[in-house]
Protein backbone atom coordinates (compact mmCIF):
# COMPACT_ATOMS: atom_id res chain seq x y z
CA UNK A 1 -6.04 -6.25 -27.08
CA UNK A 2 -9.24 -7.77 -28.31
CA UNK A 3 -9.68 -9.83 -25.14
CA UNK A 4 -9.06 -6.99 -22.67
CA UNK A 5 -11.46 -4.51 -24.25
CA UNK A 6 -14.81 -5.62 -22.79
CA UNK A 7 -13.26 -6.47 -19.42
CA UNK A 8 -11.60 -3.07 -19.03
CA UNK A 9 -14.92 -1.30 -19.56
CA UNK A 10 -16.36 -3.16 -16.58
CA UNK A 11 -19.47 -4.22 -18.46
CA UNK A 12 -20.49 -0.67 -19.34
CA UNK A 13 -21.55 0.01 -22.88
CA UNK A 14 -18.97 2.67 -23.65
CA UNK A 15 -17.94 3.29 -27.23
CA UNK A 16 -14.24 3.71 -26.61
CA UNK A 17 -11.65 2.21 -28.81
CA UNK A 18 -10.09 -1.00 -27.57
CA UNK A 19 -6.65 0.61 -27.38
CA UNK A 20 -7.92 3.28 -25.00
CA UNK A 21 -9.53 0.65 -22.80
CA UNK A 22 -6.32 -1.35 -22.65
CA UNK A 23 -4.30 1.80 -21.84
CA UNK A 24 -6.69 2.59 -19.01
CA UNK A 25 -6.41 -0.98 -17.74
CA UNK A 26 -2.61 -0.84 -17.78
CA UNK A 27 -2.58 2.58 -16.14
CA UNK A 28 -4.90 1.68 -13.27
CA UNK A 29 -4.46 -2.06 -12.67
CA UNK A 30 -0.89 -3.08 -13.49
CA UNK A 31 1.41 -1.69 -10.77
CA UNK A 32 -1.15 0.80 -9.44
CA UNK A 33 1.43 2.29 -7.04
CA UNK A 34 3.37 3.80 -9.96
CA UNK A 35 1.49 6.86 -11.22
CA UNK A 36 0.70 7.38 -14.90
CA UNK A 37 0.05 10.94 -16.04
CA UNK A 38 -1.56 11.48 -19.45
CA UNK A 39 -0.89 7.85 -20.40
CA UNK A 40 2.87 8.33 -20.17
CA UNK A 41 4.05 4.85 -19.17
CA UNK A 42 7.74 5.78 -18.97
CA UNK A 43 7.91 5.61 -15.14
CA UNK A 44 6.03 2.32 -15.10
CA UNK A 45 8.35 0.85 -17.76
CA UNK A 46 11.41 2.01 -15.81
CA UNK A 47 10.03 0.41 -12.64
CA UNK A 48 9.41 -2.91 -14.43
CA UNK A 49 12.90 -2.74 -15.94
CA UNK A 50 14.41 -2.13 -12.50
CA UNK A 51 12.51 -5.12 -11.07
CA UNK A 52 13.70 -7.38 -13.91
CA UNK A 53 17.26 -6.15 -13.45
CA UNK A 54 17.18 -6.93 -9.72
CA UNK A 55 15.75 -10.42 -10.36
CA UNK A 56 18.48 -11.20 -12.89
CA UNK A 57 21.16 -9.83 -10.56
CA UNK A 58 19.80 -11.92 -7.67
CA UNK A 59 19.88 -15.05 -9.83
CA UNK A 60 23.52 -14.53 -10.72
CA UNK A 61 24.71 -13.31 -7.28
CA UNK A 62 23.01 -15.03 -4.34
CA UNK A 63 24.31 -12.44 -1.87
CA UNK A 64 21.83 -9.90 -3.31
CA UNK A 65 18.86 -11.97 -2.14
CA UNK A 66 17.33 -10.55 1.03
CA UNK A 67 14.81 -11.85 3.53
CA UNK A 68 12.75 -8.70 3.78
CA UNK A 69 9.47 -10.63 3.86
CA UNK A 70 10.63 -13.27 6.34
CA UNK A 71 8.34 -13.35 9.38
CA UNK A 72 11.25 -13.22 11.81
CA UNK A 73 12.36 -9.87 10.39
CA UNK A 74 9.03 -8.21 11.13
CA UNK A 75 8.66 -5.98 14.15
CA UNK A 76 5.52 -7.39 15.66
CA UNK A 77 3.68 -6.32 18.79
CA UNK A 78 1.25 -8.70 20.35
CA UNK A 79 -2.30 -7.78 21.30
CA UNK A 80 -1.52 -7.80 25.02
CA UNK A 81 1.17 -5.14 24.81
CA UNK A 82 -0.97 -3.00 22.51
CA UNK A 83 -3.92 -3.28 24.90
CA UNK A 84 -1.72 -2.33 27.85
CA UNK A 85 -0.53 0.79 26.01
CA UNK A 86 -4.11 1.70 25.16
CA UNK A 87 -5.20 1.14 28.77
CA UNK A 88 -2.31 3.24 30.07
CA UNK A 89 -3.18 6.14 27.77
CA UNK A 90 -6.87 6.01 28.62
CA UNK A 91 -6.18 5.66 32.35
CA UNK A 92 -3.93 8.73 32.30
CA UNK A 93 -6.61 10.67 30.41
CA UNK A 94 -9.25 9.54 32.90
CA UNK A 95 -7.11 10.62 35.88
CA UNK A 96 -6.48 14.00 34.27
CA UNK A 97 -10.23 14.51 33.65
CA UNK A 98 -11.09 13.50 37.24
CA UNK A 99 -8.52 15.96 38.59
CA UNK A 100 -9.79 18.70 36.31
CA UNK A 101 -13.41 18.15 37.32
CA UNK A 102 -12.43 18.04 41.01
CA UNK A 103 -10.53 21.34 40.75
CA UNK A 104 -13.40 22.97 38.87
CA UNK A 105 -16.07 21.78 41.31
CA UNK A 106 -14.26 22.11 44.64
CA UNK A 107 -12.16 25.24 44.29
């Protein structure tokens, strides 16, 4: 805890106890997607336990390993198709505005 104290304060000269600084560091930096309310780390500990359990299970049973991060499993759209969709939407909007202005001016 002695090493994390000054770093957790971010250089500010705050007179907090080192334990509070380390708690704040763990709450906000380690697994920031898991919320910590009133420094209750139970959910974060359960999440870490679940991750460790899945790693151990994947080491013993290779069928549990997935390729979720494999590039081939990603649904990717190239820039050309995205630009064509954008052009189509804007072209339809333009045509609608031209029609609307024509009806307003010539009727």
